[in-house]
């Protein structure tokens, strides 16, 4: 049960002030999720301390944890058109370019501070020891999986990008997935059901699973051997992939460094091929 469903279920049990807080959140959750405790209290005419106590009585360590959970729920519930409308309502005094760059820098900082380095190292070791590496993402996450696949082909002998989007087609492409293989899954809200089904299948057959997603409460997290969390908490038409892409870059760099000799050999052969077939334009100095 998500936080909005919890508020709806418990609404009759709340005090008068708590009911005003809960009802406001239920009715305008896309706005409430990004309000401070003071702003939310002012909107429903209760004190900031009442809002903080309300979050604590719901079982959260404080208002920030409550707000984070609410934001994750909002990201999962909103359609693309609703995200766009919500972002327009929030508005900004600065230009879209300036605010987007600033927010992306903040996401990178949050990811750097919170990502599990042991999980990252375990993911790299799993990839290095795999018979085959399968890469799966869908919809907007396909940009990340395509980039990862492009470079891992230079490092490993057998890397397979799954481009199907329906659960049945994805599972069909995973029919040979086994205990010696690794499945890398990438998904962000709203999570693709086909990716979730693939995660369950990989877990059942005993394959190693590396997951890149937005939080430890992501539905992909429960079946992950190596969970990599990269911040992407945005409500707009476009979900930010800056932090996830940085983690993807790190995975590529770490694997290439561990397989430096093999990767260099492949790249040298490719340079010869590119020169022979004039793949790239060359300019005389």
C-alpha atoms as a PDB file:
ATOM      1  CA  UNK A   1       0.000   0.000   0.000  1.00  0.00           C
ATOM      2  CA  UNK A   2       1.476   3.390  -0.999  1.00  0.00           C
ATOM      3  CA  UNK A   3       1.349   6.468   1.192  1.00  0.00           C
ATOM      4  CA  UNK A   4      -1.732   7.983  -0.481  1.00  0.00           C
ATOM      5  CA  UNK A   5      -3.676   4.755  -0.015  1.00  0.00           C
ATOM      6  CA  UNK A   6      -2.588   4.724   3.637  1.00  0.00           C
ATOM      7  CA  UNK A   7      -3.828   8.281   4.158  1.00  0.00           C
ATOM      8  CA  UNK A   8      -7.172   7.454   2.547  1.00  0.00           C
ATOM      9  CA  UNK A   9      -7.603   4.356   4.725  1.00  0.00           C
ATOM     10  CA  UNK A  10      -6.675   6.134   7.967  1.00  0.00           C
ATOM     11  CA  UNK A  11      -8.527   9.396   7.264  1.00  0.00           C
ATOM     12  CA  UNK A  12     -11.475   8.681   9.627  1.00  0.00           C
ATOM     13  CA  UNK A  13      -9.084   8.065  12.543  1.00  0.00           C
ATOM     14  CA  UNK A  14      -7.234  11.396  12.274  1.00  0.00           C
ATOM     15  CA  UNK A  15      -7.784  14.466  14.435  1.00  0.00           C
ATOM     16  CA  UNK A  16      -9.343  17.570  12.886  1.00  0.00           C
ATOM     17  CA  UNK A  17      -5.968  19.129  11.991  1.00  0.00           C
ATOM     18  CA  UNK A  18      -4.548  15.852  10.727  1.00  0.00           C
ATOM     19  CA  UNK A  19      -7.605  15.354   8.514  1.00  0.00           C
ATOM     20  CA  UNK A  20      -6.956  18.720   6.865  1.00  0.00           C
ATOM     21  CA  UNK A  21      -3.326  17.733   6.197  1.00  0.00           C
ATOM     22  CA  UNK A  22      -4.262  14.304   4.850  1.00  0.00           C
ATOM     23  CA  UNK A  23      -7.106  15.583   2.672  1.00  0.00           C
ATOM     24  CA  UNK A  24      -4.929  18.285   1.164  1.00  0.00           C
ATOM     25  CA  UNK A  25      -2.234  15.738   0.308  1.00  0.00           C
ATOM     26  CA  UNK A  26      -4.800  13.348  -1.198  1.00  0.00           C
ATOM     27  CA  UNK A  27      -6.413  16.096  -3.294  1.00  0.00           C
ATOM     28  CA  UNK A  28      -3.209  17.879  -4.418  1.00  0.00           C
ATOM     29  CA  UNK A  29      -0.476  15.278  -3.970  1.00  0.00           C
ATOM     30  CA  UNK A  30       1.499  16.537  -6.978  1.00  0.00           C
ATOM     31  CA  UNK A  31       1.993  19.877  -5.203  1.00  0.00           C
ATOM     32  CA  UNK A  32       2.073  18.678  -1.586  1.00  0.00           C
ATOM     33  CA  UNK A  33       4.968  16.321  -2.303  1.00  0.00           C
ATOM     34  CA  UNK A  34       7.290  19.288  -2.841  1.00  0.00           C
ATOM     35  CA  UNK A  35       6.134  21.535  -0.003  1.00  0.00           C
ATOM     36  CA  UNK A  36       8.141  22.094   3.143  1.00  0.00           C
ATOM     37  CA  UNK A  37       6.439  21.276   6.446  1.00  0.00           C
ATOM     38  CA  UNK A  38       5.959  24.998   7.035  1.00  0.00           C
ATOM     39  CA  UNK A  39       4.416  25.598   3.597  1.00  0.00           C
ATOM     40  CA  UNK A  40       2.099  22.618   3.916  1.00  0.00           C
ATOM     41  CA  UNK A  41       1.029  23.744   7.370  1.00  0.00           C
ATOM     42  CA  UNK A  42       0.266  27.248   6.078  1.00  0.00           C
ATOM     43  CA  UNK A  43      -1.767  25.811   3.192  1.00  0.00           C
ATOM     44  CA  UNK A  44      -4.056  23.867   5.550  1.00  0.00           C
ATOM     45  CA  UNK A  45      -3.912  26.372   8.434  1.00  0.00           C
ATOM     46  CA  UNK A  46      -2.061  24.249  10.988  1.00  0.00           C
ATOM     47  CA  UNK A  47       1.339  24.772  12.585  1.00  0.00           C
ATOM     48  CA  UNK A  48       4.574  23.414  11.145  1.00  0.00           C
ATOM     49  CA  UNK A  49       5.025  21.285  14.283  1.00  0.00           C
ATOM     50  CA  UNK A  50       1.612  19.688  13.662  1.00  0.00           C
ATOM     51  CA  UNK A  51       2.742  18.623  10.189  1.00  0.00           C
ATOM     52  CA  UNK A  52       5.996  17.208  11.580  1.00  0.00           C
ATOM     53  CA  UNK A  53       4.139  15.281  14.307  1.00  0.00           C
ATOM     54  CA  UNK A  54       1.694  13.993  11.692  1.00  0.00           C
ATOM     55  CA  UNK A  55       4.589  12.472   9.720  1.00  0.00           C
ATOM     56  CA  UNK A  56       6.040  10.930  12.890  1.00  0.00           C
ATOM     57  CA  UNK A  57       2.707   9.416  13.930  1.00  0.00           C
ATOM     58  CA  UNK A  58       2.490   7.748  10.520  1.00  0.00           C
ATOM     59  CA  UNK A  59       5.707   5.902  11.382  1.00  0.00           C
ATOM     60  CA  UNK A  60       8.295   8.083   9.626  1.00  0.00           C
ATOM     61  CA  UNK A  61      11.521   9.284  11.262  1.00  0.00           C
ATOM     62  CA  UNK A  62      10.582  12.830  10.390  1.00  0.00           C
ATOM     63  CA  UNK A  63       9.037  15.027   7.729  1.00  0.00           C
ATOM     64  CA  UNK A  64      11.920  14.626   5.187  1.00  0.00           C
ATOM     65  CA  UNK A  65      11.462  10.838   5.121  1.00  0.00           C
ATOM     66  CA  UNK A  66       7.679  11.264   4.792  1.00  0.00           C
ATOM     67  CA  UNK A  67       8.177  13.751   1.943  1.00  0.00           C
ATOM     68  CA  UNK A  68      10.616  11.454   0.113  1.00  0.00           C
ATOM     69  CA  UNK A  69       8.123   8.573   0.296  1.00  0.00           C
ATOM     70  CA  UNK A  70       5.362  10.855  -0.958  1.00  0.00           C
ATOM     71  CA  UNK A  71       7.494  12.037  -3.878  1.00  0.00           C
ATOM     72  CA  UNK A  72       8.226   8.443  -4.908  1.00  0.00           C
ATOM     73  CA  UNK A  73       4.504   7.670  -4.810  1.00  0.00           C
ATOM     74  CA  UNK A  74       3.744  10.728  -6.930  1.00  0.00           C
ATOM     75  CA  UNK A  75       6.309   9.730  -9.552  1.00  0.00           C
ATOM     76  CA  UNK A  76       4.661   6.312  -9.852  1.00  0.00           C
ATOM     77  CA  UNK A  77       1.116   7.685 -10.106  1.00  0.00           C
ATOM     78  CA  UNK A  78       1.412  10.600 -12.504  1.00  0.00           C
ATOM     79  CA  UNK A  79       0.965  10.200 -16.238  1.00  0.00           C
ATOM     80  CA  UNK A  80       3.334  12.104 -18.541  1.00  0.00           C
ATOM     81  CA  UNK A  81       0.773  14.854 -19.157  1.00  0.00           C
ATOM     82  CA  UNK A  82       0.180  15.189 -15.400  1.00  0.00           C
ATOM     83  CA  UNK A  83       3.945  15.461 -14.805  1.00  0.00           C
ATOM     84  CA  UNK A  84       4.162  18.240 -17.341  1.00  0.00           C
ATOM     85  CA  UNK A  85       1.254  20.094 -15.740  1.00  0.00           C
ATOM     86  CA  UNK A  86       2.758  19.678 -12.267  1.00  0.00           C
ATOM     87  CA  UNK A  87       6.121  21.056 -13.364  1.00  0.00           C
ATOM     88  CA  UNK A  88       4.413  24.099 -14.889  1.00  0.00           C
ATOM     89  CA  UNK A  89       2.500  24.712 -11.649  1.00  0.00           C
ATOM     90  CA  UNK A  90       5.713  24.602  -9.618  1.00  0.00           C
ATOM     91  CA  UNK A  91       7.328  27.152 -11.888  1.00  0.00           C
ATOM     92  CA  UNK A  92      10.688  28.864 -11.415  1.00  0.00           C
ATOM     93  CA  UNK A  93      12.095  32.361 -11.295  1.00  0.00           C
ATOM     94  CA  UNK A  94      15.159  31.276 -13.211  1.00  0.00           C
ATOM     95  CA  UNK A  95      15.439  30.068 -16.798  1.00  0.00           C
ATOM     96  CA  UNK A  96      14.654  26.453 -17.620  1.00  0.00           C
ATOM     97  CA  UNK A  97      18.268  25.954 -18.712  1.00  0.00           C
ATOM     98  CA  UNK A  98      19.691  27.293 -15.444  1.00  0.00           C
ATOM     99  CA  UNK A  99      17.255  25.416 -13.201  1.00  0.00           C
ATOM    100  CA  UNK A 100      17.696  22.123 -15.083  1.00  0.00           C
ATOM    101  CA  UNK A 101      21.494  22.276 -14.912  1.00  0.00           C
ATOM    102  CA  UNK A 102      21.365  23.168 -11.219  1.00  0.00           C
ATOM    103  CA  UNK A 103      18.922  20.346 -10.421  1.00  0.00           C
ATOM    104  CA  UNK A 104      20.979  17.806 -12.391  1.00  0.00           C
ATOM    105  CA  UNK A 105      24.114  18.845 -10.509  1.00  0.00           C
ATOM    106  CA  UNK A 106      22.217  18.284  -7.254  1.00  0.00           C
ATOM    107  CA  UNK A 107      21.132  14.808  -8.407  1.00  0.00           C
ATOM    108  CA  UNK A 108      24.741  13.901  -9.179  1.00  0.00           C
ATOM    109  CA  UNK A 109      25.779  15.096  -5.735  1.00  0.00           C
ATOM    110  CA  UNK A 110      23.030  13.076  -4.021  1.00  0.00           C
ATOM    111  CA  UNK A 111      23.950   9.976  -6.013  1.00  0.00           C
ATOM    112  CA  UNK A 112      27.642  10.330  -5.186  1.00  0.00           C
ATOM    113  CA  UNK A 113      26.855  10.646  -1.488  1.00  0.00           C
ATOM    114  CA  UNK A 114      24.434   7.722  -1.298  1.00  0.00           C
ATOM    115  CA  UNK A 115      25.405   5.077  -3.851  1.00  0.00           C
ATOM    116  CA  UNK A 116      26.596   1.750  -2.427  1.00  0.00           C
ATOM    117  CA  UNK A 117      30.223   1.351  -3.536  1.00  0.00           C
ATOM    118  CA  UNK A 118      30.319  -2.276  -2.409  1.00  0.00           C
ATOM    119  CA  UNK A 119      27.315  -3.013  -4.613  1.00  0.00           C
ATOM    120  CA  UNK A 120      29.054  -1.232  -7.489  1.00  0.00           C
ATOM    121  CA  UNK A 121      32.232  -3.312  -7.076  1.00  0.00           C
ATOM    122  CA  UNK A 122      30.133  -6.487  -6.820  1.00  0.00           C
ATOM    123  CA  UNK A 123      28.330  -5.554 -10.035  1.00  0.00           C
ATOM    124  CA  UNK A 124      31.642  -5.126 -11.860  1.00  0.00           C
ATOM    125  CA  UNK A 125      32.949  -8.469 -10.568  1.00  0.00           C
ATOM    126  CA  UNK A 126      29.710 -10.202 -11.604  1.00  0.00           C
ATOM    127  CA  UNK A 127      30.033  -8.795 -15.123  1.00  0.00           C
ATOM    128  CA  UNK A 128      33.697  -9.812 -15.352  1.00  0.00           C
ATOM    129  CA  UNK A 129      32.846 -13.391 -14.354  1.00  0.00           C
ATOM    130  CA  UNK A 130      29.749 -13.799 -16.519  1.00  0.00           C
ATOM    131  CA  UNK A 131      29.364 -16.171 -19.431  1.00  0.00           C
ATOM    132  CA  UNK A 132      26.890 -13.777 -21.054  1.00  0.00           C
ATOM    133  CA  UNK A 133      25.697 -10.306 -20.138  1.00  0.00           C
ATOM    134  CA  UNK A 134      22.095  -9.376 -20.879  1.00  0.00           C
ATOM    135  CA  UNK A 135      21.069  -5.717 -20.760  1.00  0.00           C
ATOM    136  CA  UNK A 136      17.433  -4.754 -20.327  1.00  0.00           C
ATOM    137  CA  UNK A 137      15.603  -1.472 -20.114  1.00  0.00           C
ATOM    138  CA  UNK A 138      12.508  -0.016 -21.723  1.00  0.00           C
ATOM    139  CA  UNK A 139      11.048   3.254 -22.875  1.00  0.00           C
ATOM    140  CA  UNK A 140      13.224   6.185 -21.718  1.00  0.00           C
ATOM    141  CA  UNK A 141      15.690   3.785 -20.038  1.00  0.00           C
ATOM    142  CA  UNK A 142      16.490   2.393 -23.500  1.00  0.00           C
ATOM    143  CA  UNK A 143      18.826   5.368 -23.974  1.00  0.00           C
ATOM    144  CA  UNK A 144      20.910   4.100 -21.049  1.00  0.00           C
ATOM    145  CA  UNK A 145      20.871   0.451 -22.087  1.00  0.00           C
ATOM    146  CA  UNK A 146      21.818   1.272 -25.691  1.00  0.00           C
ATOM    147  CA  UNK A 147      24.807   3.318 -24.506  1.00  0.00           C
ATOM    148  CA  UNK A 148      25.903   0.604 -22.068  1.00  0.00           C
ATOM    149  CA  UNK A 149      25.588  -2.108 -24.727  1.00  0.00           C
ATOM    150  CA  UNK A 150      27.569  -0.087 -27.285  1.00  0.00           C
ATOM    151  CA  UNK A 151      30.654   0.099 -25.087  1.00  0.00           C
ATOM    152  CA  UNK A 152      30.442  -3.275 -23.326  1.00  0.00           C
ATOM    153  CA  UNK A 153      30.704  -4.967 -26.736  1.00  0.00           C
ATOM    154  CA  UNK A 154      34.301  -3.712 -26.906  1.00  0.00           C
ATOM    155  CA  UNK A 155      35.079  -5.203 -23.499  1.00  0.00           C
ATOM    156  CA  UNK A 156      33.205  -8.543 -23.429  1.00  0.00           C
ATOM    157  CA  UNK A 157      32.669 -11.291 -26.005  1.00  0.00           C
ATOM    158  CA  UNK A 158      28.961 -11.915 -25.455  1.00  0.00           C
ATOM    159  CA  UNK A 159      26.775  -8.927 -24.577  1.00  0.00           C
ATOM    160  CA  UNK A 160      23.115  -8.978 -25.554  1.00  0.00           C
ATOM    161  CA  UNK A 161      20.775  -5.995 -25.640  1.00  0.00           C
ATOM    162  CA  UNK A 162      17.105  -6.841 -25.184  1.00  0.00           C
ATOM    163  CA  UNK A 163      15.002  -4.397 -27.163  1.00  0.00           C
ATOM    164  CA  UNK A 164      11.601  -6.042 -26.700  1.00  0.00           C
ATOM    165  CA  UNK A 165       9.093  -4.213 -24.486  1.00  0.00           C
ATOM    166  CA  UNK A 166       6.318  -6.729 -23.816  1.00  0.00           C
ATOM    167  CA  UNK A 167       6.815  -9.228 -20.995  1.00  0.00           C
ATOM    168  CA  UNK A 168       6.315 -12.247 -23.267  1.00  0.00           C
ATOM    169  CA  UNK A 169       8.846 -11.023 -25.845  1.00  0.00           C
ATOM    170  CA  UNK A 170      11.409 -10.121 -23.172  1.00  0.00           C
ATOM    171  CA  UNK A 171      11.153 -13.547 -21.544  1.00  0.00           C
ATOM    172  CA  UNK A 172      11.505 -15.165 -24.963  1.00  0.00           C
ATOM    173  CA  UNK A 173      14.828 -13.364 -25.452  1.00  0.00           C
ATOM    174  CA  UNK A 174      15.931 -14.514 -21.989  1.00  0.00           C
ATOM    175  CA  UNK A 175      15.180 -18.186 -22.616  1.00  0.00           C
ATOM    176  CA  UNK A 176      18.913 -19.095 -22.443  1.00  0.00           C
ATOM    177  CA  UNK A 177      19.576 -17.052 -19.312  1.00  0.00           C
ATOM    178  CA  UNK A 178      21.272 -19.229 -16.692  1.00  0.00           C
ATOM    179  CA  UNK A 179      23.234 -19.254 -13.456  1.00  0.00           C
ATOM    180  CA  UNK A 180      26.474 -18.263 -15.209  1.00  0.00           C
ATOM    181  CA  UNK A 181      24.935 -15.156 -16.741  1.00  0.00           C
ATOM    182  CA  UNK A 182      24.250 -11.600 -15.576  1.00  0.00           C
ATOM    183  CA  UNK A 183      21.118  -9.581 -16.227  1.00  0.00           C
ATOM    184  CA  UNK A 184      21.519  -5.803 -15.990  1.00  0.00           C
ATOM    185  CA  UNK A 185      18.110  -4.165 -15.578  1.00  0.00           C
ATOM    186  CA  UNK A 186      17.501  -0.421 -15.719  1.00  0.00           C
ATOM    187  CA  UNK A 187      14.105   1.070 -14.916  1.00  0.00           C
ATOM    188  CA  UNK A 188      12.744   4.327 -13.507  1.00  0.00           C
ATOM    189  CA  UNK A 189       9.218   5.467 -12.610  1.00  0.00           C
ATOM    190  CA  UNK A 190       6.835   4.550 -13.984  1.00  0.00           C
ATOM    191  CA  UNK A 191       8.442   1.098 -13.827  1.00  0.00           C
ATOM    192  CA  UNK A 192       8.003  -1.138 -16.879  1.00  0.00           C
ATOM    193  CA  UNK A 193       6.116  -4.340 -16.029  1.00  0.00           C
ATOM    194  CA  UNK A 194       8.151  -6.317 -18.563  1.00  0.00           C
ATOM    195  CA  UNK A 195      11.396  -5.446 -16.760  1.00  0.00           C
ATOM    196  CA  UNK A 196       9.883  -6.543 -13.440  1.00  0.00           C
ATOM    197  CA  UNK A 197       8.842  -9.886 -14.935  1.00  0.00           C
ATOM    198  CA  UNK A 198      12.361 -10.364 -16.313  1.00  0.00           C
ATOM    199  CA  UNK A 199      13.829  -9.659 -12.871  1.00  0.00           C
ATOM    200  CA  UNK A 200      11.602 -12.324 -11.337  1.00  0.00           C
ATOM    201  CA  UNK A 201      12.604 -14.801 -14.050  1.00  0.00           C
ATOM    202  CA  UNK A 202      16.324 -14.095 -13.566  1.00  0.00           C
ATOM    203  CA  UNK A 203      15.948 -14.628  -9.828  1.00  0.00           C
ATOM    204  CA  UNK A 204      14.126 -17.923 -10.388  1.00  0.00           C
ATOM    205  CA  UNK A 205      16.819 -19.331 -12.714  1.00  0.00           C
ATOM    206  CA  UNK A 206      19.648 -18.181 -10.434  1.00  0.00           C
ATOM    207  CA  UNK A 207      21.264 -15.607 -12.708  1.00  0.00           C
ATOM    208  CA  UNK A 208      23.131 -12.685 -11.167  1.00  0.00           C
ATOM    209  CA  UNK A 209      21.090  -9.492 -11.290  1.00  0.00           C
ATOM    210  CA  UNK A 210      22.448  -5.953 -11.438  1.00  0.00           C
ATOM    211  CA  UNK A 211      19.780  -3.268 -11.050  1.00  0.00           C
ATOM    212  CA  UNK A 212      20.052   0.458 -11.732  1.00  0.00           C
ATOM    213  CA  UNK A 213      17.004   2.312 -10.456  1.00  0.00           C
ATOM    214  CA  UNK A 214      15.873   5.343  -8.468  1.00  0.00           C
ATOM    215  CA  UNK A 215      15.517   4.090  -4.881  1.00  0.00           C
ATOM    216  CA  UNK A 216      15.837   1.173  -2.495  1.00  0.00           C
ATOM    217  CA  UNK A 217      12.026   0.957  -2.457  1.00  0.00           C
ATOM    218  CA  UNK A 218      11.876   0.414  -6.227  1.00  0.00           C
ATOM    219  CA  UNK A 219      10.016  -2.815  -7.104  1.00  0.00           C
ATOM    220  CA  UNK A 220      13.168  -3.993  -8.901  1.00  0.00           C
ATOM    221  CA  UNK A 221      15.196  -3.843  -5.688  1.00  0.00           C
ATOM    222  CA  UNK A 222      13.831  -7.002  -4.071  1.00  0.00           C
ATOM    223  CA  UNK A 223      15.363  -9.342  -6.672  1.00  0.00           C
ATOM    224  CA  UNK A 224      18.650  -7.449  -7.094  1.00  0.00           C
ATOM    225  CA  UNK A 225      21.992  -9.034  -6.211  1.00  0.00           C
ATOM    226  CA  UNK A 226      23.673  -5.682  -6.851  1.00  0.00           C
ATOM    227  CA  UNK A 227      21.477  -2.621  -6.351  1.00  0.00           C
ATOM    228  CA  UNK A 228      22.724   0.683  -7.775  1.00  0.00           C
ATOM    229  CA  UNK A 229      20.604   3.709  -6.906  1.00  0.00           C
ATOM    230  CA  UNK A 230      20.981   6.868  -8.986  1.00  0.00           C
ATOM    231  CA  UNK A 231      18.885   9.920  -8.201  1.00  0.00           C
ATOM    232  CA  UNK A 232      16.209  10.974 -10.677  1.00  0.00           C
ATOM    233  CA  UNK A 233      13.506  12.567  -8.518  1.00  0.00           C
ATOM    234  CA  UNK A 234      11.856  14.938 -10.941  1.00  0.00           C
ATOM    235  CA  UNK A 235       8.296  15.708 -11.891  1.00  0.00           C
ATOM    236  CA  UNK A 236       8.184  16.862 -15.482  1.00  0.00           C
ATOM    237  CA  UNK A 237       7.668  15.442 -18.941  1.00  0.00           C
ATOM    238  CA  UNK A 238      11.367  14.559 -19.051  1.00  0.00           C
ATOM    239  CA  UNK A 239      12.865  12.407 -16.298  1.00  0.00           C
ATOM    240  CA  UNK A 240      16.516  13.240 -15.709  1.00  0.00           C
ATOM    241  CA  UNK A 241      18.956  10.512 -16.744  1.00  0.00           C
ATOM    242  CA  UNK A 242      22.102  12.463 -15.850  1.00  0.00           C
ATOM    243  CA  UNK A 243      22.929  10.588 -12.619  1.00  0.00           C
ATOM    244  CA  UNK A 244      22.026   7.125 -14.016  1.00  0.00           C
ATOM    245  CA  UNK A 245      24.157   7.819 -17.097  1.00  0.00           C
ATOM    246  CA  UNK A 246      27.083   8.741 -14.855  1.00  0.00           C
ATOM    247  CA  UNK A 247      26.757   5.370 -13.076  1.00  0.00           C
ATOM    248  CA  UNK A 248      26.614   3.630 -16.472  1.00  0.00           C
ATOM    249  CA  UNK A 249      29.815   5.457 -17.454  1.00  0.00           C
ATOM    250  CA  UNK A 250      31.445   4.263 -14.238  1.00  0.00           C
ATOM    251  CA  UNK A 251      30.466   0.637 -14.927  1.00  0.00           C
ATOM    252  CA  UNK A 252      31.989   0.832 -18.410  1.00  0.00           C
ATOM    253  CA  UNK A 253      35.184   2.473 -17.148  1.00  0.00           C
ATOM    254  CA  UNK A 254      35.615  -0.018 -14.299  1.00  0.00           C
ATOM    255  CA  UNK A 255      35.146  -3.050 -16.576  1.00  0.00           C
ATOM    256  CA  UNK A 256      37.497  -1.631 -19.220  1.00  0.00           C
ATOM    257  CA  UNK A 257      40.126  -0.993 -16.565  1.00  0.00           C
ATOM    258  CA  UNK A 258      39.873  -4.573 -15.286  1.00  0.00           C
ATOM    259  CA  UNK A 259      40.100  -5.962 -18.841  1.00  0.00           C
ATOM    260  CA  UNK A 260      42.563  -3.383 -20.123  1.00  0.00           C
ATOM    261  CA  UNK A 261      44.690  -5.749 -22.226  1.00  0.00           C
ATOM    262  CA  UNK A 262      41.741  -7.429 -23.980  1.00  0.00           C
ATOM    263  CA  UNK A 263      39.944  -4.141 -24.545  1.00  0.00           C
ATOM    264  CA  UNK A 264      43.048  -2.458 -25.970  1.00  0.00           C
ATOM    265  CA  UNK A 265      43.537  -5.364 -28.388  1.00  0.00           C
ATOM    266  CA  UNK A 266      39.956  -5.059 -29.656  1.00  0.00           C
ATOM    267  CA  UNK A 267      40.162  -1.291 -30.009  1.00  0.00           C
ATOM    268  CA  UNK A 268      43.460  -1.509 -31.923  1.00  0.00           C
ATOM    269  CA  UNK A 269      41.848  -3.969 -34.376  1.00  0.00           C
ATOM    270  CA  UNK A 270      38.894  -1.656 -34.763  1.00  0.00           C
ATOM    271  CA  UNK A 271      41.167   1.296 -35.513  1.00  0.00           C
ATOM    272  CA  UNK A 272      42.740  -0.723 -38.339  1.00  0.00           C
ATOM    273  CA  UNK A 273      39.309  -1.579 -39.719  1.00  0.00           C
ATOM    274  CA  UNK A 274      38.076   2.009 -39.443  1.00  0.00           C
ATOM    275  CA  UNK A 275      41.193   3.257 -41.257  1.00  0.00           C
ATOM    276  CA  UNK A 276      40.949   0.636 -43.985  1.00  0.00           C
ATOM    277  CA  UNK A 277      37.289   1.320 -44.694  1.00  0.00           C
ATOM    278  CA  UNK A 278      37.385   5.099 -44.087  1.00  0.00           C
ATOM    279  CA  UNK A 279      34.810   4.990 -41.328  1.00  0.00           C
ATOM    280  CA  UNK A 280      35.884   8.369 -39.972  1.00  0.00           C
ATOM    281  CA  UNK A 281      36.894  11.500 -41.811  1.00  0.00           C
ATOM    282  CA  UNK A 282      40.540  12.436 -41.437  1.00  0.00           C
ATOM    283  CA  UNK A 283      41.900  15.922 -41.701  1.00  0.00           C
ATOM    284  CA  UNK A 284      45.471  16.919 -42.362  1.00  0.00           C
ATOM    285  CA  UNK A 285      46.942  19.279 -39.821  1.00  0.00           C
END
